[in-house]
Amino acid sequence: MSFWRNISPTRAIRDFTREFMRPTPYRWPIMGASALATFTIFSVMWHEEAVGPPPRPEVTYITTFAPNRSDAEIAASNRLNQERQDKLAAEQAARDEMVKGIYRTLGRMSGMDVDKIERDAAAEQAAEERAETERRAAMQDNRTTQDGTVAAQ
């Protein structure tokens, strides 16, 4: 309770008045700058015409395919796209193999056993694939019921 006993609104007003009336050399320029900043902000806000949310944008749909295509045209376009994708994948595989060849040459020139490194990497990848296959098989074999128990098929 001693904290609230030291607080007095009349004493606060008296302190404010005493500090405000004390002569300082920059009191009026600071008050003028503060008033000008306040007036500027309020005048800018006054002229804004924000009445509710902005209007909804007008949506224009762009279609790349004709809306009345036949199933044969769709199948032909899918085949053409698949051929293009296969060609790009083959080109990428050739580039990847070329880069691997460059790294193999660099490794051999550095004194590394490149063949052993490739065998180890292939064995590690096969083990990861086997573990993923086993994990998926286990997930299909065991189904979790609503209450958290596992029911085997």
N, C-alpha and C. Protein backbone atom coordinates (compact mmCIF):
# COMPACT_ATOMS: atom_id res chain seq x y z
N MET A 1 0.80 -1.20 0.00
CA MET A 1 0.00 0.00 0.00
C MET A 1 0.84 1.26 0.00
N SER A 2 2.09 1.17 0.41
CA SER A 2 2.91 2.37 0.51
C SER A 2 3.20 2.97 -0.88
N PHE A 3 3.16 2.12 -1.92
CA PHE A 3 3.39 2.63 -3.26
C PHE A 3 2.30 3.61 -3.67
N TRP A 4 1.02 3.27 -3.46
CA TRP A 4 -0.10 4.13 -3.87
C TRP A 4 -0.19 5.39 -3.00
N ARG A 5 0.38 5.33 -1.79
CA ARG A 5 0.33 6.49 -0.91
C ARG A 5 1.20 7.63 -1.47
N ASN A 6 2.27 7.28 -2.23
CA ASN A 6 3.17 8.29 -2.78
C ASN A 6 2.69 8.87 -4.10
N ILE A 7 1.63 8.36 -4.66
CA ILE A 7 1.12 8.85 -5.94
C ILE A 7 -0.02 9.83 -5.68
N SER A 8 0.10 11.02 -6.30
CA SER A 8 -0.92 12.05 -6.11
C SER A 8 -1.11 12.77 -7.44
N PRO A 9 -2.33 12.79 -8.00
CA PRO A 9 -2.56 13.50 -9.25
C PRO A 9 -2.28 14.99 -9.14
N THR A 10 -2.60 15.60 -8.03
CA THR A 10 -2.35 17.03 -7.89
C THR A 10 -0.85 17.32 -7.87
N ARG A 11 -0.08 16.46 -7.22
CA ARG A 11 1.37 16.64 -7.21
C ARG A 11 1.93 16.45 -8.62
N ALA A 12 1.39 15.51 -9.41
CA ALA A 12 1.85 15.29 -10.78
C ALA A 12 1.58 16.51 -11.64
N ILE A 13 0.39 17.09 -11.50
CA ILE A 13 0.06 18.29 -12.27
C ILE A 13 0.96 19.45 -11.86
N ARG A 14 1.22 19.59 -10.56
CA ARG A 14 2.09 20.66 -10.08
C ARG A 14 3.52 20.49 -10.62
N ASP A 15 4.02 19.25 -10.65
CA ASP A 15 5.36 18.99 -11.20
C ASP A 15 5.42 19.31 -12.69
N PHE A 16 4.38 18.92 -13.42
CA PHE A 16 4.35 19.19 -14.86
C PHE A 16 4.35 20.69 -15.11
N THR A 17 3.54 21.41 -14.36
CA THR A 17 3.45 22.87 -14.54
C THR A 17 4.79 23.53 -14.22
N ARG A 18 5.44 23.09 -13.15
CA ARG A 18 6.73 23.68 -12.79
C ARG A 18 7.77 23.43 -13.89
N GLU A 19 7.82 22.20 -14.43
CA GLU A 19 8.79 21.89 -15.48
C GLU A 19 8.45 22.63 -16.78
N PHE A 20 7.16 22.78 -17.07
CA PHE A 20 6.75 23.47 -18.29
C PHE A 20 7.06 24.96 -18.23
N MET A 21 6.90 25.55 -17.07
CA MET A 21 7.12 26.99 -16.92
C MET A 21 8.60 27.34 -16.76
N ARG A 22 9.45 26.37 -16.50
CA ARG A 22 10.88 26.66 -16.35
C ARG A 22 11.42 27.15 -17.68
N PRO A 23 12.16 28.23 -17.70
CA PRO A 23 12.64 28.78 -18.97
C PRO A 23 13.76 27.91 -19.57
N THR A 24 13.52 27.48 -20.82
CA THR A 24 14.53 26.74 -21.58
C THR A 24 14.68 27.43 -22.92
N PRO A 25 15.88 27.45 -23.51
CA PRO A 25 16.09 28.23 -24.74
C PRO A 25 15.39 27.66 -25.97
N TYR A 26 15.12 26.36 -26.00
CA TYR A 26 14.54 25.77 -27.22
C TYR A 26 13.10 25.31 -27.03
N ARG A 27 12.40 25.81 -25.98
CA ARG A 27 11.05 25.36 -25.72
C ARG A 27 10.10 25.69 -26.87
N TRP A 28 10.09 26.92 -27.34
CA TRP A 28 9.12 27.31 -28.38
C TRP A 28 9.45 26.70 -29.74
N PRO A 29 10.71 26.62 -30.17
CA PRO A 29 10.96 25.94 -31.44
C PRO A 29 10.59 24.44 -31.41
N ILE A 30 10.85 23.79 -30.29
CA ILE A 30 10.48 22.37 -30.17
C ILE A 30 8.97 22.22 -30.17
N MET A 31 8.28 23.08 -29.45
CA MET A 31 6.81 23.01 -29.44
C MET A 31 6.25 23.30 -30.83
N GLY A 32 6.85 24.26 -31.55
CA GLY A 32 6.39 24.57 -32.91
C GLY A 32 6.62 23.40 -33.85
N ALA A 33 7.79 22.75 -33.76
CA ALA A 33 8.08 21.60 -34.62
C ALA A 33 7.13 20.44 -34.30
N SER A 34 6.85 20.24 -33.03
CA SER A 34 5.92 19.17 -32.63
C SER A 34 4.52 19.45 -33.16
N ALA A 35 4.08 20.69 -33.02
CA ALA A 35 2.75 21.05 -33.50
C ALA A 35 2.67 20.91 -35.02
N LEU A 36 3.74 21.34 -35.72
CA LEU A 36 3.75 21.23 -37.17
C LEU A 36 3.71 19.76 -37.62
N ALA A 37 4.49 18.90 -36.96
CA ALA A 37 4.48 17.47 -37.31
C ALA A 37 3.10 16.86 -37.06
N THR A 38 2.50 17.20 -35.93
CA THR A 38 1.17 16.68 -35.62
C THR A 38 0.15 17.17 -36.63
N PHE A 39 0.18 18.46 -36.95
CA PHE A 39 -0.74 19.02 -37.94
C PHE A 39 -0.56 18.35 -39.30
N THR A 40 0.69 18.13 -39.72
CA THR A 40 0.97 17.52 -41.02
C THR A 40 0.42 16.10 -41.09
N ILE A 41 0.65 15.33 -40.06
CA ILE A 41 0.16 13.95 -40.05
C ILE A 41 -1.36 13.91 -40.10
N PHE A 42 -2.00 14.75 -39.27
CA PHE A 42 -3.46 14.74 -39.27
C PHE A 42 -4.05 15.28 -40.57
N SER A 43 -3.39 16.25 -41.21
CA SER A 43 -3.92 16.77 -42.46
C SER A 43 -3.79 15.73 -43.58
N VAL A 44 -2.72 14.95 -43.56
CA VAL A 44 -2.57 13.88 -44.55
C VAL A 44 -3.64 12.82 -44.32
N MET A 45 -3.85 12.46 -43.07
CA MET A 45 -4.87 11.44 -42.77
C MET A 45 -6.27 11.95 -43.09
N TRP A 46 -6.50 13.24 -42.92
CA TRP A 46 -7.82 13.81 -43.16
C TRP A 46 -8.22 13.69 -44.62
N HIS A 47 -7.26 13.83 -45.54
CA HIS A 47 -7.57 13.81 -46.97
C HIS A 47 -7.63 12.40 -47.55
N GLU A 48 -7.25 11.41 -46.80
CA GLU A 48 -7.36 10.04 -47.31
C GLU A 48 -8.82 9.64 -47.34
N GLU A 49 -9.19 8.96 -48.41
CA GLU A 49 -10.58 8.54 -48.53
C GLU A 49 -10.66 7.03 -48.47
N ALA A 50 -10.34 6.48 -47.35
CA ALA A 50 -10.41 5.04 -47.16
C ALA A 50 -11.76 4.72 -46.53
N VAL A 51 -12.69 4.32 -47.38
CA VAL A 51 -14.02 3.99 -46.90
C VAL A 51 -14.22 2.50 -47.13
N GLY A 52 -13.94 1.71 -46.12
CA GLY A 52 -14.13 0.27 -46.23
C GLY A 52 -12.98 -0.39 -46.99
N PRO A 53 -13.13 -1.68 -47.21
CA PRO A 53 -12.07 -2.41 -47.91
C PRO A 53 -11.99 -2.02 -49.38
N PRO A 54 -10.86 -2.24 -50.01
CA PRO A 54 -10.74 -1.89 -51.43
C PRO A 54 -11.64 -2.77 -52.28
N PRO A 55 -11.99 -2.33 -53.48
CA PRO A 55 -12.86 -3.14 -54.33
C PRO A 55 -12.17 -4.42 -54.75
N ARG A 56 -12.94 -5.46 -54.98
CA ARG A 56 -12.39 -6.74 -55.41
C ARG A 56 -11.80 -6.59 -56.81
N PRO A 57 -10.66 -7.22 -57.04
CA PRO A 57 -10.05 -7.11 -58.37
C PRO A 57 -10.84 -7.89 -59.41
N GLU A 58 -10.74 -7.43 -60.63
CA GLU A 58 -11.40 -8.13 -61.73
C GLU A 58 -10.44 -9.21 -62.22
N VAL A 59 -10.89 -10.46 -62.22
CA VAL A 59 -10.04 -11.57 -62.57
C VAL A 59 -10.22 -11.90 -64.04
N THR A 60 -9.09 -12.02 -64.74
CA THR A 60 -9.12 -12.41 -66.13
C THR A 60 -8.42 -13.76 -66.23
N TYR A 61 -9.14 -14.76 -66.70
CA TYR A 61 -8.57 -16.09 -66.82
C TYR A 61 -7.91 -16.23 -68.18
N ILE A 62 -6.70 -16.76 -68.16
CA ILE A 62 -5.96 -17.00 -69.40
C ILE A 62 -5.89 -18.50 -69.60
N THR A 63 -6.43 -18.97 -70.68
CA THR A 63 -6.38 -20.40 -70.96
C THR A 63 -5.37 -20.65 -72.07
N THR A 64 -4.61 -21.72 -71.93
CA THR A 64 -3.61 -22.05 -72.95
C THR A 64 -4.13 -23.11 -73.91
N PHE A 65 -5.19 -23.76 -73.54
CA PHE A 65 -5.76 -24.80 -74.40
C PHE A 65 -7.15 -24.38 -74.87
N ALA A 66 -7.48 -24.84 -76.04
CA ALA A 66 -8.82 -24.56 -76.56
C ALA A 66 -9.83 -25.29 -75.68
N PRO A 67 -10.91 -24.65 -75.31
CA PRO A 67 -11.86 -25.29 -74.40
C PRO A 67 -12.61 -26.47 -75.02
N ASN A 68 -12.65 -26.57 -76.33
CA ASN A 68 -13.43 -27.64 -76.97
C ASN A 68 -12.51 -28.67 -77.64
N ARG A 69 -11.38 -29.00 -77.00
CA ARG A 69 -10.47 -30.00 -77.57
C ARG A 69 -11.07 -31.38 -77.44
N SER A 70 -10.76 -32.23 -78.41
CA SER A 70 -11.24 -33.61 -78.35
C SER A 70 -10.25 -34.45 -77.55
N ASP A 71 -10.68 -35.66 -77.18
CA ASP A 71 -9.80 -36.55 -76.42
C ASP A 71 -8.58 -36.94 -77.24
N ALA A 72 -8.74 -37.09 -78.55
CA ALA A 72 -7.61 -37.45 -79.41
C ALA A 72 -6.58 -36.32 -79.43
N GLU A 73 -7.05 -35.07 -79.48
CA GLU A 73 -6.12 -33.94 -79.46
C GLU A 73 -5.38 -33.86 -78.12
N ILE A 74 -6.09 -34.13 -77.05
CA ILE A 74 -5.46 -34.13 -75.73
C ILE A 74 -4.40 -35.22 -75.65
N ALA A 75 -4.73 -36.43 -76.12
CA ALA A 75 -3.78 -37.54 -76.09
C ALA A 75 -2.56 -37.24 -76.96
N ALA A 76 -2.77 -36.64 -78.13
CA ALA A 76 -1.65 -36.30 -79.01
C ALA A 76 -0.75 -35.26 -78.36
N SER A 77 -1.33 -34.26 -77.73
CA SER A 77 -0.53 -33.24 -77.06
C SER A 77 0.22 -33.84 -75.88
N ASN A 78 -0.40 -34.78 -75.16
CA ASN A 78 0.28 -35.45 -74.04
C ASN A 78 1.46 -36.28 -74.54
N ARG A 79 1.26 -37.00 -75.67
CA ARG A 79 2.34 -37.81 -76.24
C ARG A 79 3.51 -36.92 -76.67
N LEU A 80 3.20 -35.81 -77.32
CA LEU A 80 4.23 -34.88 -77.77
C LEU A 80 5.01 -34.31 -76.58
N ASN A 81 4.28 -33.94 -75.53
CA ASN A 81 4.92 -33.41 -74.33
C ASN A 81 5.79 -34.48 -73.66
N GLN A 82 5.31 -35.73 -73.62
CA GLN A 82 6.09 -36.80 -73.01
C GLN A 82 7.38 -37.06 -73.80
N GLU A 83 7.27 -37.01 -75.13
CA GLU A 83 8.47 -37.19 -75.96
C GLU A 83 9.48 -36.07 -75.69
N ARG A 84 8.98 -34.85 -75.54
CA ARG A 84 9.85 -33.72 -75.24
C ARG A 84 10.51 -33.90 -73.87
N GLN A 85 9.74 -34.36 -72.90
CA GLN A 85 10.29 -34.58 -71.56
C GLN A 85 11.33 -35.70 -71.56
N ASP A 86 11.06 -36.78 -72.31
CA ASP A 86 12.02 -37.88 -72.40
C ASP A 86 13.32 -37.42 -73.04
N LYS A 87 13.22 -36.59 -74.08
CA LYS A 87 14.41 -36.07 -74.75
C LYS A 87 15.22 -35.20 -73.79
N LEU A 88 14.54 -34.32 -73.04
CA LEU A 88 15.23 -33.48 -72.07
C LEU A 88 15.89 -34.31 -70.98
N ALA A 89 15.20 -35.36 -70.51
CA ALA A 89 15.77 -36.22 -69.47
C ALA A 89 17.00 -36.95 -69.99
N ALA A 90 16.96 -37.41 -71.25
CA ALA A 90 18.12 -38.10 -71.83
C ALA A 90 19.30 -37.13 -71.96
N GLU A 91 19.03 -35.91 -72.40
CA GLU A 91 20.11 -34.92 -72.50
C GLU A 91 20.71 -34.61 -71.14
N GLN A 92 19.86 -34.50 -70.13
CA GLN A 92 20.35 -34.23 -68.77
C GLN A 92 21.18 -35.41 -68.26
N ALA A 93 20.73 -36.63 -68.54
CA ALA A 93 21.49 -37.81 -68.11
C ALA A 93 22.86 -37.85 -68.78
N ALA A 94 22.92 -37.48 -70.07
CA ALA A 94 24.20 -37.45 -70.77
C ALA A 94 25.13 -36.40 -70.15
N ARG A 95 24.57 -35.23 -69.81
CA ARG A 95 25.38 -34.19 -69.17
C ARG A 95 25.87 -34.65 -67.80
N ASP A 96 24.99 -35.31 -67.05
CA ASP A 96 25.38 -35.80 -65.73
C ASP A 96 26.50 -36.83 -65.85
N GLU A 97 26.39 -37.72 -66.81
CA GLU A 97 27.42 -38.75 -67.01
C GLU A 97 28.75 -38.10 -67.42
N MET A 98 28.69 -37.05 -68.23
CA MET A 98 29.91 -36.34 -68.62
C MET A 98 30.57 -35.70 -67.39
N VAL A 99 29.78 -35.11 -66.51
CA VAL A 99 30.32 -34.50 -65.30
C VAL A 99 30.92 -35.58 -64.40
N LYS A 100 30.24 -36.72 -64.29
CA LYS A 100 30.80 -37.82 -63.49
C LYS A 100 32.13 -38.28 -64.06
N GLY A 101 32.23 -38.33 -65.38
CA GLY A 101 33.49 -38.71 -66.01
C GLY A 101 34.60 -37.73 -65.67
N ILE A 102 34.28 -36.45 -65.67
CA ILE A 102 35.27 -35.43 -65.31
C ILE A 102 35.72 -35.63 -63.87
N TYR A 103 34.76 -35.88 -62.96
CA TYR A 103 35.13 -36.09 -61.56
C TYR A 103 35.91 -37.38 -61.37
N ARG A 104 35.58 -38.43 -62.15
CA ARG A 104 36.35 -39.68 -62.07
C ARG A 104 37.80 -39.42 -62.47
N THR A 105 37.99 -38.69 -63.56
CA THR A 105 39.34 -38.37 -64.02
C THR A 105 40.08 -37.55 -62.97
N LEU A 106 39.42 -36.58 -62.40
CA LEU A 106 40.03 -35.76 -61.36
C LEU A 106 40.41 -36.60 -60.15
N GLY A 107 39.52 -37.52 -59.77
CA GLY A 107 39.79 -38.40 -58.64
C GLY A 107 40.97 -39.31 -58.90
N ARG A 108 41.04 -39.89 -60.10
CA ARG A 108 42.17 -40.76 -60.44
C ARG A 108 43.48 -39.98 -60.45
N MET A 109 43.44 -38.75 -60.97
CA MET A 109 44.65 -37.92 -61.00
C MET A 109 45.07 -37.53 -59.58
N SER A 110 44.12 -37.48 -58.64
CA SER A 110 44.42 -37.13 -57.26
C SER A 110 44.87 -38.33 -56.46
N GLY A 111 44.78 -39.53 -57.05
CA GLY A 111 45.23 -40.73 -56.35
C GLY A 111 44.13 -41.45 -55.60
N MET A 112 42.88 -41.16 -55.88
CA MET A 112 41.77 -41.82 -55.19
C MET A 112 41.40 -43.10 -55.92
N ASP A 113 40.82 -44.05 -55.15
CA ASP A 113 40.29 -45.28 -55.75
C ASP A 113 38.84 -45.01 -56.12
N VAL A 114 38.63 -44.51 -57.34
CA VAL A 114 37.31 -44.08 -57.79
C VAL A 114 36.34 -45.25 -57.89
N ASP A 115 36.84 -46.40 -58.35
CA ASP A 115 35.96 -47.56 -58.50
C ASP A 115 35.42 -48.01 -57.14
N LYS A 116 36.26 -48.01 -56.12
CA LYS A 116 35.81 -48.41 -54.77
C LYS A 116 34.79 -47.40 -54.24
N ILE A 117 35.03 -46.11 -54.48
CA ILE A 117 34.09 -45.08 -54.03
C ILE A 117 32.74 -45.27 -54.70
N GLU A 118 32.71 -45.58 -56.00
CA GLU A 118 31.45 -45.80 -56.71
C GLU A 118 30.74 -47.04 -56.20
N ARG A 119 31.50 -48.13 -55.91
CA ARG A 119 30.87 -49.35 -55.37
C ARG A 119 30.25 -49.07 -54.01
N ASP A 120 30.97 -48.34 -53.15
CA ASP A 120 30.44 -48.00 -51.82
C ASP A 120 29.18 -47.14 -51.94
N ALA A 121 29.21 -46.18 -52.85
CA ALA A 121 28.04 -45.31 -53.03
C ALA A 121 26.84 -46.10 -53.55
N ALA A 122 27.09 -47.03 -54.48
CA ALA A 122 25.99 -47.85 -55.02
C ALA A 122 25.43 -48.75 -53.93
N ALA A 123 26.29 -49.32 -53.09
CA ALA A 123 25.82 -50.19 -52.01
C ALA A 123 25.00 -49.37 -51.00
N GLU A 124 25.45 -48.17 -50.68
CA GLU A 124 24.72 -47.32 -49.75
C GLU A 124 23.36 -46.92 -50.31
N GLN A 125 23.31 -46.59 -51.58
CA GLN A 125 22.04 -46.22 -52.21
C GLN A 125 21.09 -47.41 -52.24
N ALA A 126 21.62 -48.61 -52.53
CA ALA A 126 20.77 -49.81 -52.54
C ALA A 126 20.22 -50.09 -51.15
N ALA A 127 21.05 -49.89 -50.12
CA ALA A 127 20.58 -50.11 -48.75
C ALA A 127 19.49 -49.10 -48.38
N GLU A 128 19.64 -47.85 -48.79
CA GLU A 128 18.60 -46.85 -48.52
C GLU A 128 17.31 -47.19 -49.23
N GLU A 129 17.39 -47.62 -50.47
CA GLU A 129 16.18 -48.01 -51.22
C GLU A 129 15.51 -49.21 -50.59
N ARG A 130 16.33 -50.19 -50.12
CA ARG A 130 15.77 -51.38 -49.48
C ARG A 130 15.07 -50.98 -48.18
N ALA A 131 15.68 -50.09 -47.39
CA ALA A 131 15.07 -49.64 -46.14
C ALA A 131 13.77 -48.90 -46.42
N GLU A 132 13.74 -48.07 -47.46
CA GLU A 132 12.51 -47.35 -47.81
C GLU A 132 11.42 -48.31 -48.25
N THR A 133 11.78 -49.32 -49.02
CA THR A 133 10.80 -50.32 -49.45
C THR A 133 10.24 -51.08 -48.25
N GLU A 134 11.11 -51.45 -47.32
CA GLU A 134 10.66 -52.16 -46.12
C GLU A 134 9.76 -51.27 -45.26
N ARG A 135 10.10 -50.00 -45.16
CA ARG A 135 9.29 -49.07 -44.37
C ARG A 135 7.90 -48.94 -44.97
N ARG A 136 7.83 -48.82 -46.30
CA ARG A 136 6.52 -48.70 -46.96
C ARG A 136 5.72 -49.97 -46.80
N ALA A 137 6.37 -51.13 -46.89
CA ALA A 137 5.67 -52.40 -46.71
C ALA A 137 5.14 -52.53 -45.29
N ALA A 138 5.93 -52.10 -44.31
CA ALA A 138 5.48 -52.16 -42.93
C ALA A 138 4.29 -51.23 -42.70
N MET A 139 4.31 -50.07 -43.35
CA MET A 139 3.19 -49.14 -43.19
C MET A 139 1.92 -49.71 -43.80
N GLN A 140 2.03 -50.48 -44.89
CA GLN A 140 0.85 -51.05 -45.51
C GLN A 140 0.35 -52.24 -44.71
N ASP A 141 1.25 -52.98 -44.08
CA ASP A 141 0.85 -54.16 -43.32
C ASP A 141 0.17 -53.79 -42.01
N ASN A 142 0.66 -52.76 -41.34
CA ASN A 142 0.11 -52.35 -40.04
C ASN A 142 -0.69 -51.08 -40.21
N ARG A 143 -1.92 -51.16 -39.83
CA ARG A 143 -2.77 -49.97 -39.92
C ARG A 143 -3.13 -49.55 -38.50
N THR A 144 -3.01 -48.27 -38.23
CA THR A 144 -3.31 -47.74 -36.90
C THR A 144 -4.78 -47.39 -36.82
N THR A 145 -5.43 -47.87 -35.76
CA THR A 145 -6.85 -47.59 -35.57
C THR A 145 -7.01 -46.24 -34.88
N GLN A 146 -8.23 -45.83 -34.68
CA GLN A 146 -8.50 -44.54 -34.08
C GLN A 146 -7.98 -44.43 -32.64
N ASP A 147 -8.05 -45.54 -31.87
CA ASP A 147 -7.63 -45.46 -30.47
C ASP A 147 -6.15 -45.68 -30.27
N GLY A 148 -5.36 -45.79 -31.35
CA GLY A 148 -3.92 -45.86 -31.24
C GLY A 148 -3.35 -47.25 -31.26
N THR A 149 -4.20 -48.28 -31.30
CA THR A 149 -3.68 -49.65 -31.34
C THR A 149 -3.38 -50.03 -32.79
N VAL A 150 -2.48 -50.96 -32.97
CA VAL A 150 -2.07 -51.38 -34.30
C VAL A 150 -2.75 -52.70 -34.62
N ALA A 151 -3.43 -52.71 -35.75
CA ALA A 151 -4.12 -53.93 -36.17
C ALA A 151 -3.41 -54.49 -37.38
N ALA A 152 -2.96 -55.76 -37.32
CA ALA A 152 -2.28 -56.38 -38.45
C ALA A 152 -3.32 -57.01 -39.37
N GLN A 153 -2.99 -57.04 -40.67
CA GLN A 153 -3.92 -57.64 -41.61
C GLN A 153 -3.61 -59.09 -41.81
